[in-house]
Amino acid sequence: MLNKEHRINKKKEYNNIYKKGKKIPGKYMVVFIIKSEREYSRYGFVTSKKVGNAVKRNRAKRRLRTVIYRNMSDIKDSVDVVIVARTAINEASWDDLNSEYIRVMRKAGLC
């Protein structure tokens, strides 16, 4: 579970990251990244109704949080990250999801 300090909660912060951040698309997720002045990275998760009903959306967010938690120490810089789940996330295995996240972070130059 991510600590409270590692979460993005405010709509204003999400909108700022969407507008000014770097967008990196992937098969199971779209990642928006922006540099942060904080000493630590923060993460936000978005799942739309296109992903499925509430059970599928919450499952997708739980899986994304777990992937982030397991790979948090690999991130070099302090950044704010918003991960938007795509509909294909429901069919993804753990290994696929993890490797996709690592690929996206390498593409961003953070791993």
PDB file of N, CA and C in Angstrom:
ATOM      1  N   MET A   1       0.838  -1.184   0.000  1.00  0.00           N
ATOM      2  CA  MET A   1       0.000   0.000   0.000  1.00  0.00           C
ATOM      3  C   MET A   1       0.882   1.246   0.000  1.00  0.00           C
ATOM      4  N   LEU A   2       0.519   2.202  -0.799  1.00  0.00           N
ATOM      5  CA  LEU A   2       1.280   3.449  -0.872  1.00  0.00           C
ATOM      6  C   LEU A   2       0.949   4.339   0.321  1.00  0.00           C
ATOM      7  N   ASN A   3       1.977   4.945   0.892  1.00  0.00           N
ATOM      8  CA  ASN A   3       1.772   5.893   1.981  1.00  0.00           C
ATOM      9  C   ASN A   3       1.008   7.098   1.470  1.00  0.00           C
ATOM     10  N   LYS A   4       0.411   7.831   2.385  1.00  0.00           N
ATOM     11  CA  LYS A   4      -0.388   9.003   2.033  1.00  0.00           C
ATOM     12  C   LYS A   4       0.448  10.055   1.305  1.00  0.00           C
ATOM     13  N   GLU A   5       1.704  10.191   1.700  1.00  0.00           N
ATOM     14  CA  GLU A   5       2.565  11.191   1.069  1.00  0.00           C
ATOM     15  C   GLU A   5       2.911  10.834  -0.374  1.00  0.00           C
ATOM     16  N   HIS A   6       2.753   9.575  -0.754  1.00  0.00           N
ATOM     17  CA  HIS A   6       3.078   9.128  -2.111  1.00  0.00           C
ATOM     18  C   HIS A   6       1.856   9.110  -3.039  1.00  0.00           C
ATOM     19  N   ARG A   7       0.751   9.704  -2.626  1.00  0.00           N
ATOM     20  CA  ARG A   7      -0.460   9.713  -3.438  1.00  0.00           C
ATOM     21  C   ARG A   7      -0.786  11.119  -3.937  1.00  0.00           C
ATOM     22  N   ILE A   8      -1.365  11.167  -5.117  1.00  0.00           N
ATOM     23  CA  ILE A   8      -1.890  12.420  -5.668  1.00  0.00           C
ATOM     24  C   ILE A   8      -3.392  12.374  -5.455  1.00  0.00           C
ATOM     25  N   ASN A   9      -3.946  13.392  -4.796  1.00  0.00           N
ATOM     26  CA  ASN A   9      -5.362  13.359  -4.454  1.00  0.00           C
ATOM     27  C   ASN A   9      -6.198  14.480  -5.061  1.00  0.00           C
ATOM     28  N   LYS A  10      -5.588  15.594  -5.367  1.00  0.00           N
ATOM     29  CA  LYS A  10      -6.368  16.765  -5.762  1.00  0.00           C
ATOM     30  C   LYS A  10      -6.560  16.845  -7.277  1.00  0.00           C
ATOM     31  N   LYS A  11      -7.749  17.236  -7.666  1.00  0.00           N
ATOM     32  CA  LYS A  11      -8.092  17.361  -9.082  1.00  0.00           C
ATOM     33  C   LYS A  11      -7.185  18.377  -9.779  1.00  0.00           C
ATOM     34  N   LYS A  12      -6.845  19.431  -9.080  1.00  0.00           N
ATOM     35  CA  LYS A  12      -5.971  20.463  -9.628  1.00  0.00           C
ATOM     36  C   LYS A  12      -4.601  19.883  -9.992  1.00  0.00           C
ATOM     37  N   GLU A  13      -4.079  19.000  -9.149  1.00  0.00           N
ATOM     38  CA  GLU A  13      -2.783  18.375  -9.416  1.00  0.00           C
ATOM     39  C   GLU A  13      -2.865  17.426 -10.606  1.00  0.00           C
ATOM     40  N   TYR A  14      -3.958  16.662 -10.687  1.00  0.00           N
ATOM     41  CA  TYR A  14      -4.154  15.777 -11.841  1.00  0.00           C
ATOM     42  C   TYR A  14      -4.190  16.590 -13.137  1.00  0.00           C
ATOM     43  N   ASN A  15      -4.969  17.659 -13.139  1.00  0.00           N
ATOM     44  CA  ASN A  15      -5.083  18.491 -14.346  1.00  0.00           C
ATOM     45  C   ASN A  15      -3.748  19.109 -14.735  1.00  0.00           C
ATOM     46  N   ASN A  16      -2.950  19.520 -13.757  1.00  0.00           N
ATOM     47  CA  ASN A  16      -1.637  20.087 -14.030  1.00  0.00           C
ATOM     48  C   ASN A  16      -0.724  19.043 -14.680  1.00  0.00           C
ATOM     49  N   ILE A  17      -0.771  17.822 -14.175  1.00  0.00           N
ATOM     50  CA  ILE A  17       0.060  16.752 -14.738  1.00  0.00           C
ATOM     51  C   ILE A  17      -0.399  16.403 -16.148  1.00  0.00           C
ATOM     52  N   TYR A  18      -1.714  16.374 -16.375  1.00  0.00           N
ATOM     53  CA  TYR A  18      -2.228  16.099 -17.722  1.00  0.00           C
ATOM     54  C   TYR A  18      -1.770  17.170 -18.716  1.00  0.00           C
ATOM     55  N   LYS A  19      -1.821  18.431 -18.273  1.00  0.00           N
ATOM     56  CA  LYS A  19      -1.531  19.540 -19.166  1.00  0.00           C
ATOM     57  C   LYS A  19      -0.039  19.711 -19.432  1.00  0.00           C
ATOM     58  N   LYS A  20       0.783  19.636 -18.386  1.00  0.00           N
ATOM     59  CA  LYS A  20       2.205  19.942 -18.520  1.00  0.00           C
ATOM     60  C   LYS A  20       3.107  18.723 -18.569  1.00  0.00           C
ATOM     61  N   GLY A  21       2.562  17.556 -18.250  1.00  0.00           N
ATOM     62  CA  GLY A  21       3.382  16.357 -18.155  1.00  0.00           C
ATOM     63  C   GLY A  21       3.660  15.704 -19.494  1.00  0.00           C
ATOM     64  N   LYS A  22       4.617  14.783 -19.467  1.00  0.00           N
ATOM     65  CA  LYS A  22       4.984  14.010 -20.646  1.00  0.00           C
ATOM     66  C   LYS A  22       4.074  12.786 -20.710  1.00  0.00           C
ATOM     67  N   LYS A  23       3.492  12.548 -21.869  1.00  0.00           N
ATOM     68  CA  LYS A  23       2.558  11.438 -22.055  1.00  0.00           C
ATOM     69  C   LYS A  23       3.288  10.274 -22.724  1.00  0.00           C
ATOM     70  N   ILE A  24       3.209   9.097 -22.091  1.00  0.00           N
ATOM     71  CA  ILE A  24       3.840   7.903 -22.640  1.00  0.00           C
ATOM     72  C   ILE A  24       2.788   6.804 -22.730  1.00  0.00           C
ATOM     73  N   PRO A  25       2.356   6.468 -23.940  1.00  0.00           N
ATOM     74  CA  PRO A  25       1.329   5.425 -24.084  1.00  0.00           C
ATOM     75  C   PRO A  25       1.926   4.027 -24.028  1.00  0.00           C
ATOM     76  N   GLY A  26       1.144   3.105 -23.521  1.00  0.00           N
ATOM     77  CA  GLY A  26       1.516   1.703 -23.476  1.00  0.00           C
ATOM     78  C   GLY A  26       0.312   0.851 -23.841  1.00  0.00           C
ATOM     79  N   LYS A  27       0.477  -0.443 -23.847  1.00  0.00           N
ATOM     80  CA  LYS A  27      -0.604  -1.346 -24.217  1.00  0.00           C
ATOM     81  C   LYS A  27      -1.682  -1.402 -23.135  1.00  0.00           C
ATOM     82  N   TYR A  28      -1.284  -1.408 -21.867  1.00  0.00           N
ATOM     83  CA  TYR A  28      -2.227  -1.548 -20.767  1.00  0.00           C
ATOM     84  C   TYR A  28      -2.456  -0.264 -19.983  1.00  0.00           C
ATOM     85  N   MET A  29      -1.647   0.763 -20.243  1.00  0.00           N
ATOM     86  CA  MET A  29      -1.751   2.001 -19.488  1.00  0.00           C
ATOM     87  C   MET A  29      -1.192   3.171 -20.286  1.00  0.00           C
ATOM     88  N   VAL A  30      -1.635   4.361 -19.927  1.00  0.00           N
ATOM     89  CA  VAL A  30      -1.060   5.600 -20.438  1.00  0.00           C
ATOM     90  C   VAL A  30      -0.509   6.319 -19.211  1.00  0.00           C
ATOM     91  N   VAL A  31       0.757   6.720 -19.287  1.00  0.00           N
ATOM     92  CA  VAL A  31       1.424   7.318 -18.129  1.00  0.00           C
ATOM     93  C   VAL A  31       1.739   8.776 -18.428  1.00  0.00           C
ATOM     94  N   PHE A  32       1.393   9.643 -17.485  1.00  0.00           N
ATOM     95  CA  PHE A  32       1.735  11.061 -17.549  1.00  0.00           C
ATOM     96  C   PHE A  32       2.740  11.331 -16.442  1.00  0.00           C
ATOM     97  N   ILE A  33       3.863  11.966 -16.801  1.00  0.00           N
ATOM     98  CA  ILE A  33       4.953  12.188 -15.840  1.00  0.00           C
ATOM     99  C   ILE A  33       5.379  13.647 -15.875  1.00  0.00           C
ATOM    100  N   ILE A  34       5.603  14.197 -14.703  1.00  0.00           N
ATOM    101  CA  ILE A  34       6.117  15.556 -14.575  1.00  0.00           C
ATOM    102  C   ILE A  34       7.113  15.578 -13.415  1.00  0.00           C
ATOM    103  N   LYS A  35       8.161  16.361 -13.545  1.00  0.00           N
ATOM    104  CA  LYS A  35       9.170  16.488 -12.479  1.00  0.00           C
ATOM    105  C   LYS A  35       8.528  17.128 -11.250  1.00  0.00           C
ATOM    106  N   SER A  36       9.025  16.741 -10.090  1.00  0.00           N
ATOM    107  CA  SER A  36       8.487  17.247  -8.835  1.00  0.00           C
ATOM    108  C   SER A  36       9.594  17.903  -8.024  1.00  0.00           C
ATOM    109  N   GLU A  37       9.239  18.901  -7.220  1.00  0.00           N
ATOM    110  CA  GLU A  37      10.202  19.549  -6.343  1.00  0.00           C
ATOM    111  C   GLU A  37      10.331  18.806  -5.018  1.00  0.00           C
ATOM    112  N   ARG A  38       9.460  17.851  -4.775  1.00  0.00           N
ATOM    113  CA  ARG A  38       9.500  17.088  -3.529  1.00  0.00           C
ATOM    114  C   ARG A  38      10.687  16.136  -3.526  1.00  0.00           C
ATOM    115  N   GLU A  39      10.958  15.563  -2.364  1.00  0.00           N
ATOM    116  CA  GLU A  39      12.068  14.613  -2.228  1.00  0.00           C
ATOM    117  C   GLU A  39      11.659  13.195  -2.587  1.00  0.00           C
ATOM    118  N   TYR A  40      10.386  12.993  -2.883  1.00  0.00           N
ATOM    119  CA  TYR A  40       9.854  11.658  -3.159  1.00  0.00           C
ATOM    120  C   TYR A  40       8.882  11.736  -4.333  1.00  0.00           C
ATOM    121  N   SER A  41       8.610  10.591  -4.922  1.00  0.00           N
ATOM    122  CA  SER A  41       7.675  10.522  -6.040  1.00  0.00           C
ATOM    123  C   SER A  41       6.252  10.318  -5.530  1.00  0.00           C
ATOM    124  N   ARG A  42       5.287  10.810  -6.312  1.00  0.00           N
ATOM    125  CA  ARG A  42       3.873  10.614  -5.977  1.00  0.00           C
ATOM    126  C   ARG A  42       3.171   9.987  -7.173  1.00  0.00           C
ATOM    127  N   TYR A  43       2.097   9.237  -6.887  1.00  0.00           N
ATOM    128  CA  TYR A  43       1.402   8.489  -7.920  1.00  0.00           C
ATOM    129  C   TYR A  43      -0.104   8.693  -7.811  1.00  0.00           C
ATOM    130  N   GLY A  44      -0.756   8.703  -8.980  1.00  0.00           N
ATOM    131  CA  GLY A  44      -2.201   8.757  -9.045  1.00  0.00           C
ATOM    132  C   GLY A  44      -2.689   7.739 -10.062  1.00  0.00           C
ATOM    133  N   PHE A  45      -3.876   7.198  -9.830  1.00  0.00           N
ATOM    134  CA  PHE A  45      -4.415   6.152 -10.691  1.00  0.00           C
ATOM    135  C   PHE A  45      -5.799   6.551 -11.170  1.00  0.00           C
ATOM    136  N   VAL A  46      -6.043   6.312 -12.470  1.00  0.00           N
ATOM    137  CA  VAL A  46      -7.329   6.649 -13.068  1.00  0.00           C
ATOM    138  C   VAL A  46      -7.823   5.447 -13.849  1.00  0.00           C
ATOM    139  N   THR A  47      -9.072   5.063 -13.597  1.00  0.00           N
ATOM    140  CA  THR A  47      -9.717   4.023 -14.393  1.00  0.00           C
ATOM    141  C   THR A  47     -11.098   4.536 -14.767  1.00  0.00           C
ATOM    142  N   SER A  48     -11.367   4.610 -16.048  1.00  0.00           N
ATOM    143  CA  SER A  48     -12.658   5.099 -16.498  1.00  0.00           C
ATOM    144  C   SER A  48     -13.658   3.955 -16.576  1.00  0.00           C
ATOM    145  N   LYS A  49     -14.885   4.275 -16.854  1.00  0.00           N
ATOM    146  CA  LYS A  49     -15.925   3.252 -16.973  1.00  0.00           C
ATOM    147  C   LYS A  49     -15.715   2.360 -18.186  1.00  0.00           C
ATOM    148  N   LYS A  50     -14.851   2.772 -19.094  1.00  0.00           N
ATOM    149  CA  LYS A  50     -14.524   1.927 -20.244  1.00  0.00           C
ATOM    150  C   LYS A  50     -13.801   0.658 -19.808  1.00  0.00           C
ATOM    151  N   VAL A  51     -13.109   0.720 -18.666  1.00  0.00           N
ATOM    152  CA  VAL A  51     -12.381  -0.439 -18.154  1.00  0.00           C
ATOM    153  C   VAL A  51     -13.356  -1.523 -17.710  1.00  0.00           C
ATOM    154  N   GLY A  52     -14.514  -1.139 -17.224  1.00  0.00           N
ATOM    155  CA  GLY A  52     -15.511  -2.113 -16.794  1.00  0.00           C
ATOM    156  C   GLY A  52     -16.307  -1.589 -15.614  1.00  0.00           C
ATOM    157  N   ASN A  53     -17.000  -2.505 -14.960  1.00  0.00           N
ATOM    158  CA  ASN A  53     -17.797  -2.106 -13.800  1.00  0.00           C
ATOM    159  C   ASN A  53     -16.879  -1.793 -12.621  1.00  0.00           C
ATOM    160  N   ALA A  54     -17.462  -1.457 -11.475  1.00  0.00           N
ATOM    161  CA  ALA A  54     -16.681  -1.016 -10.324  1.00  0.00           C
ATOM    162  C   ALA A  54     -15.698  -2.084  -9.852  1.00  0.00           C
ATOM    163  N   VAL A  55     -16.107  -3.343  -9.928  1.00  0.00           N
ATOM    164  CA  VAL A  55     -15.229  -4.421  -9.494  1.00  0.00           C
ATOM    165  C   VAL A  55     -13.976  -4.476 -10.362  1.00  0.00           C
ATOM    166  N   LYS A  56     -14.140  -4.381 -11.672  1.00  0.00           N
ATOM    167  CA  LYS A  56     -12.997  -4.432 -12.596  1.00  0.00           C
ATOM    168  C   LYS A  56     -12.122  -3.202 -12.464  1.00  0.00           C
ATOM    169  N   ARG A  57     -12.730  -2.034 -12.271  1.00  0.00           N
ATOM    170  CA  ARG A  57     -11.949  -0.798 -12.112  1.00  0.00           C
ATOM    171  C   ARG A  57     -11.114  -0.846 -10.835  1.00  0.00           C
ATOM    172  N   ASN A  58     -11.713  -1.284  -9.736  1.00  0.00           N
ATOM    173  CA  ASN A  58     -10.971  -1.361  -8.477  1.00  0.00           C
ATOM    174  C   ASN A  58      -9.872  -2.410  -8.550  1.00  0.00           C
ATOM    175  N   ARG A  59     -10.138  -3.518  -9.223  1.00  0.00           N
ATOM    176  CA  ARG A  59      -9.117  -4.553  -9.389  1.00  0.00           C
ATOM    177  C   ARG A  59      -7.939  -4.012 -10.193  1.00  0.00           C
ATOM    178  N   ALA A  60      -8.247  -3.259 -11.248  1.00  0.00           N
ATOM    179  CA  ALA A  60      -7.184  -2.664 -12.067  1.00  0.00           C
ATOM    180  C   ALA A  60      -6.334  -1.703 -11.236  1.00  0.00           C
ATOM    181  N   LYS A  61      -6.975  -0.876 -10.420  1.00  0.00           N
ATOM    182  CA  LYS A  61      -6.222   0.060  -9.580  1.00  0.00           C
ATOM    183  C   LYS A  61      -5.374  -0.669  -8.542  1.00  0.00           C
ATOM    184  N   ARG A  62      -5.911  -1.728  -7.951  1.00  0.00           N
ATOM    185  CA  ARG A  62      -5.135  -2.509  -6.977  1.00  0.00           C
ATOM    186  C   ARG A  62      -3.905  -3.125  -7.627  1.00  0.00           C
ATOM    187  N   ARG A  63      -4.081  -3.650  -8.826  1.00  0.00           N
ATOM    188  CA  ARG A  63      -2.955  -4.258  -9.536  1.00  0.00           C
ATOM    189  C   ARG A  63      -1.900  -3.214  -9.877  1.00  0.00           C
ATOM    190  N   LEU A  64      -2.338  -2.032 -10.326  1.00  0.00           N
ATOM    191  CA  LEU A  64      -1.392  -0.965 -10.648  1.00  0.00           C
ATOM    192  C   LEU A  64      -0.649  -0.497  -9.395  1.00  0.00           C
ATOM    193  N   ARG A  65      -1.361  -0.367  -8.276  1.00  0.00           N
ATOM    194  CA  ARG A  65      -0.703   0.035  -7.030  1.00  0.00           C
ATOM    195  C   ARG A  65       0.362  -0.972  -6.620  1.00  0.00           C
ATOM    196  N   THR A  66       0.062  -2.252  -6.798  1.00  0.00           N
ATOM    197  CA  THR A  66       1.025  -3.294  -6.438  1.00  0.00           C
ATOM    198  C   THR A  66       2.265  -3.219  -7.321  1.00  0.00           C
ATOM    199  N   VAL A  67       2.062  -3.003  -8.605  1.00  0.00           N
ATOM    200  CA  VAL A  67       3.204  -2.871  -9.526  1.00  0.00           C
ATOM    201  C   VAL A  67       4.058  -1.678  -9.130  1.00  0.00           C
ATOM    202  N   ILE A  68       3.432  -0.562  -8.816  1.00  0.00           N
ATOM    203  CA  ILE A  68       4.161   0.633  -8.390  1.00  0.00           C
ATOM    204  C   ILE A  68       4.924   0.358  -7.098  1.00  0.00           C
ATOM    205  N   TYR A  69       4.262  -0.241  -6.133  1.00  0.00           N
ATOM    206  CA  TYR A  69       4.871  -0.504  -4.835  1.00  0.00           C
ATOM    207  C   TYR A  69       6.112  -1.388  -4.968  1.00  0.00           C
ATOM    208  N   ARG A  70       6.033  -2.384  -5.836  1.00  0.00           N
ATOM    209  CA  ARG A  70       7.162  -3.300  -6.017  1.00  0.00           C
ATOM    210  C   ARG A  70       8.330  -2.657  -6.760  1.00  0.00           C
ATOM    211  N   ASN A  71       8.056  -1.622  -7.565  1.00  0.00           N
ATOM    212  CA  ASN A  71       9.096  -1.016  -8.390  1.00  0.00           C
ATOM    213  C   ASN A  71       9.435   0.416  -7.979  1.00  0.00           C
ATOM    214  N   MET A  72       8.950   0.883  -6.835  1.00  0.00           N
ATOM    215  CA  MET A  72       9.176   2.269  -6.419  1.00  0.00           C
ATOM    216  C   MET A  72      10.653   2.596  -6.250  1.00  0.00           C
ATOM    217  N   SER A  73      11.423   1.668  -5.769  1.00  0.00           N
ATOM    218  CA  SER A  73      12.828   1.947  -5.495  1.00  0.00           C
ATOM    219  C   SER A  73      13.653   2.090  -6.778  1.00  0.00           C
ATOM    220  N   ASP A  74      13.125   1.654  -7.919  1.00  0.00           N
ATOM    221  CA  ASP A  74      13.861   1.733  -9.179  1.00  0.00           C
ATOM    222  C   ASP A  74      13.802   3.115  -9.832  1.00  0.00           C
ATOM    223  N   ILE A  75      12.885   3.963  -9.401  1.00  0.00           N
ATOM    224  CA  ILE A  75      12.729   5.299  -9.990  1.00  0.00           C
ATOM    225  C   ILE A  75      13.855   6.188  -9.495  1.00  0.00           C
ATOM    226  N   LYS A  76      14.579   6.817 -10.442  1.00  0.00           N
ATOM    227  CA  LYS A  76      15.747   7.626 -10.093  1.00  0.00           C
ATOM    228  C   LYS A  76      15.382   9.002  -9.550  1.00  0.00           C
ATOM    229  N   ASP A  77      14.459   9.694 -10.214  1.00  0.00           N
ATOM    230  CA  ASP A  77      14.137  11.075  -9.861  1.00  0.00           C
ATOM    231  C   ASP A  77      12.840  11.136  -9.060  1.00  0.00           C
ATOM    232  N   SER A  78      12.602  12.312  -8.461  1.00  0.00           N
ATOM    233  CA  SER A  78      11.302  12.529  -7.816  1.00  0.00           C
ATOM    234  C   SER A  78      10.366  13.118  -8.862  1.00  0.00           C
ATOM    235  N   VAL A  79       9.297  12.396  -9.135  1.00  0.00           N
ATOM    236  CA  VAL A  79       8.342  12.775 -10.164  1.00  0.00           C
ATOM    237  C   VAL A  79       6.925  12.569  -9.653  1.00  0.00           C
ATOM    238  N   ASP A  80       5.984  13.229 -10.311  1.00  0.00           N
ATOM    239  CA  ASP A  80       4.570  12.960 -10.109  1.00  0.00           C
ATOM    240  C   ASP A  80       4.099  12.156 -11.310  1.00  0.00           C
ATOM    241  N   VAL A  81       3.443  11.030 -11.052  1.00  0.00           N
ATOM    242  CA  VAL A  81       3.039  10.103 -12.102  1.00  0.00           C
ATOM    243  C   VAL A  81       1.547   9.848 -11.999  1.00  0.00           C
ATOM    244  N   VAL A  82       0.842   9.981 -13.121  1.00  0.00           N
ATOM    245  CA  VAL A  82      -0.560   9.587 -13.208  1.00  0.00           C
ATOM    246  C   VAL A  82      -0.644   8.448 -14.206  1.00  0.00           C
ATOM    247  N   ILE A  83      -1.221   7.340 -13.771  1.00  0.00           N
ATOM    248  CA  ILE A  83      -1.370   6.172 -14.629  1.00  0.00           C
ATOM    249  C   ILE A  83      -2.844   5.987 -14.949  1.00  0.00           C
ATOM    250  N   VAL A  84      -3.156   6.024 -16.239  1.00  0.00           N
ATOM    251  CA  VAL A  84      -4.523   5.833 -16.715  1.00  0.00           C
ATOM    252  C   VAL A  84      -4.622   4.425 -17.286  1.00  0.00           C
ATOM    253  N   ALA A  85      -5.502   3.614 -16.716  1.00  0.00           N
ATOM    254  CA  ALA A  85      -5.656   2.226 -17.154  1.00  0.00           C
ATOM    255  C   ALA A  85      -6.428   2.171 -18.469  1.00  0.00           C
ATOM    256  N   ARG A  86      -5.998   1.275 -19.338  1.00  0.00           N
ATOM    257  CA  ARG A  86      -6.717   1.008 -20.585  1.00  0.00           C
ATOM    258  C   ARG A  86      -7.570  -0.246 -20.418  1.00  0.00           C
ATOM    259  N   THR A  87      -8.492  -0.451 -21.327  1.00  0.00           N
ATOM    260  CA  THR A  87      -9.409  -1.586 -21.202  1.00  0.00           C
ATOM    261  C   THR A  87      -8.689  -2.924 -21.262  1.00  0.00           C
ATOM    262  N   ALA A  88      -7.561  -3.006 -21.931  1.00  0.00           N
ATOM    263  CA  ALA A  88      -6.818  -4.264 -22.062  1.00  0.00           C
ATOM    264  C   ALA A  88      -6.196  -4.715 -20.747  1.00  0.00           C
ATOM    265  N   ILE A  89      -6.210  -3.871 -19.738  1.00  0.00           N
ATOM    266  CA  ILE A  89      -5.583  -4.218 -18.460  1.00  0.00           C
ATOM    267  C   ILE A  89      -6.266  -5.410 -17.799  1.00  0.00           C
ATOM    268  N   ASN A  90      -7.545  -5.621 -18.094  1.00  0.00           N
ATOM    269  CA  ASN A  90      -8.271  -6.738 -17.485  1.00  0.00           C
ATOM    270  C   ASN A  90      -7.758  -8.093 -17.948  1.00  0.00           C
ATOM    271  N   GLU A  91      -7.196  -8.168 -19.149  1.00  0.00           N
ATOM    272  CA  GLU A  91      -6.688  -9.426 -19.683  1.00  0.00           C
ATOM    273  C   GLU A  91      -5.191  -9.617 -19.426  1.00  0.00           C
ATOM    274  N   ALA A  92      -4.537  -8.631 -18.859  1.00  0.00           N
ATOM    275  CA  ALA A  92      -3.089  -8.681 -18.670  1.00  0.00           C
ATOM    276  C   ALA A  92      -2.717  -9.558 -17.485  1.00  0.00           C
ATOM    277  N   SER A  93      -1.634 -10.308 -17.635  1.00  0.00           N
ATOM    278  CA  SER A  93      -1.101 -11.082 -16.514  1.00  0.00           C
ATOM    279  C   SER A  93      -0.215 -10.159 -15.673  1.00  0.00           C
ATOM    280  N   TRP A  94       0.179 -10.645 -14.491  1.00  0.00           N
ATOM    281  CA  TRP A  94       1.054  -9.852 -13.625  1.00  0.00           C
ATOM    282  C   TRP A  94       2.368  -9.538 -14.317  1.00  0.00           C
ATOM    283  N   ASP A  95       2.931 -10.540 -14.974  1.00  0.00           N
ATOM    284  CA  ASP A  95       4.218 -10.337 -15.650  1.00  0.00           C
ATOM    285  C   ASP A  95       4.106  -9.326 -16.777  1.00  0.00           C
ATOM    286  N   ASP A  96       3.015  -9.406 -17.546  1.00  0.00           N
ATOM    287  CA  ASP A  96       2.797  -8.452 -18.635  1.00  0.00           C
ATOM    288  C   ASP A  96       2.671  -7.033 -18.095  1.00  0.00           C
ATOM    289  N   LEU A  97       1.895  -6.885 -17.029  1.00  0.00           N
ATOM    290  CA  LEU A  97       1.675  -5.564 -16.435  1.00  0.00           C
ATOM    291  C   LEU A  97       2.973  -4.988 -15.874  1.00  0.00           C
ATOM    292  N   ASN A  98       3.735  -5.814 -15.203  1.00  0.00           N
ATOM    293  CA  ASN A  98       5.003  -5.376 -14.618  1.00  0.00           C
ATOM    294  C   ASN A  98       6.005  -4.986 -15.702  1.00  0.00           C
ATOM    295  N   SER A  99       6.129  -5.814 -16.728  1.00  0.00           N
ATOM    296  CA  SER A  99       7.086  -5.507 -17.799  1.00  0.00           C
ATOM    297  C   SER A  99       6.657  -4.270 -18.588  1.00  0.00           C
ATOM    298  N   GLU A 100       5.358  -4.066 -18.747  1.00  0.00           N
ATOM    299  CA  GLU A 100       4.858  -2.862 -19.428  1.00  0.00           C
ATOM    300  C   GLU A 100       5.210  -1.609 -18.631  1.00  0.00           C
ATOM    301  N   TYR A 101       5.031  -1.657 -17.309  1.00  0.00           N
ATOM    302  CA  TYR A 101       5.364  -0.518 -16.458  1.00  0.00           C
ATOM    303  C   TYR A 101       6.862  -0.196 -16.544  1.00  0.00           C
ATOM    304  N   ILE A 102       7.698  -1.226 -16.468  1.00  0.00           N
ATOM    305  CA  ILE A 102       9.147  -1.022 -16.553  1.00  0.00           C
ATOM    306  C   ILE A 102       9.540  -0.454 -17.914  1.00  0.00           C
ATOM    307  N   ARG A 103       8.915  -0.950 -18.977  1.00  0.00           N
ATOM    308  CA  ARG A 103       9.205  -0.445 -20.320  1.00  0.00           C
ATOM    309  C   ARG A 103       8.842   1.033 -20.441  1.00  0.00           C
ATOM    310  N   VAL A 104       7.690   1.405 -19.905  1.00  0.00           N
ATOM    311  CA  VAL A 104       7.243   2.802 -19.976  1.00  0.00           C
ATOM    312  C   VAL A 104       8.178   3.709 -19.171  1.00  0.00           C
ATOM    313  N   MET A 105       8.599   3.250 -17.998  1.00  0.00           N
ATOM    314  CA  MET A 105       9.502   4.072 -17.181  1.00  0.00           C
ATOM    315  C   MET A 105      10.876   4.195 -17.817  1.00  0.00           C
ATOM    316  N   ARG A 106      11.341   3.153 -18.473  1.00  0.00           N
ATOM    317  CA  ARG A 106      12.618   3.246 -19.206  1.00  0.00           C
ATOM    318  C   ARG A 106      12.501   4.213 -20.357  1.00  0.00           C
ATOM    319  N   LYS A 107      11.363   4.178 -21.041  1.00  0.00           N
ATOM    320  CA  LYS A 107      11.130   5.102 -22.151  1.00  0.00           C
ATOM    321  C   LYS A 107      11.136   6.545 -21.666  1.00  0.00           C
ATOM    322  N   ALA A 108      10.666   6.753 -20.442  1.00  0.00           N
ATOM    323  CA  ALA A 108      10.670   8.096 -19.849  1.00  0.00           C
ATOM    324  C   ALA A 108      12.036   8.471 -19.306  1.00  0.00           C
ATOM    325  N   GLY A 109      12.949   7.503 -19.231  1.00  0.00           N
ATOM    326  CA  GLY A 109      14.295   7.765 -18.721  1.00  0.00           C
ATOM    327  C   GLY A 109      14.381   7.778 -17.219  1.00  0.00           C
ATOM    328  N   LEU A 110      13.475   7.079 -16.545  1.00  0.00           N
ATOM    329  CA  LEU A 110      13.451   7.088 -15.093  1.00  0.00           C
ATOM    330  C   LEU A 110      13.993   5.815 -14.451  1.00  0.00           C
ATOM    331  N   CYS A 111      14.154   4.763 -15.203  1.00  0.00           N
ATOM    332  CA  CYS A 111      14.696   3.493 -14.658  1.00  0.00           C
ATOM    333  C   CYS A 111      16.089   3.239 -15.183  1.00  0.00           C
TER     334      CYS A 111
END
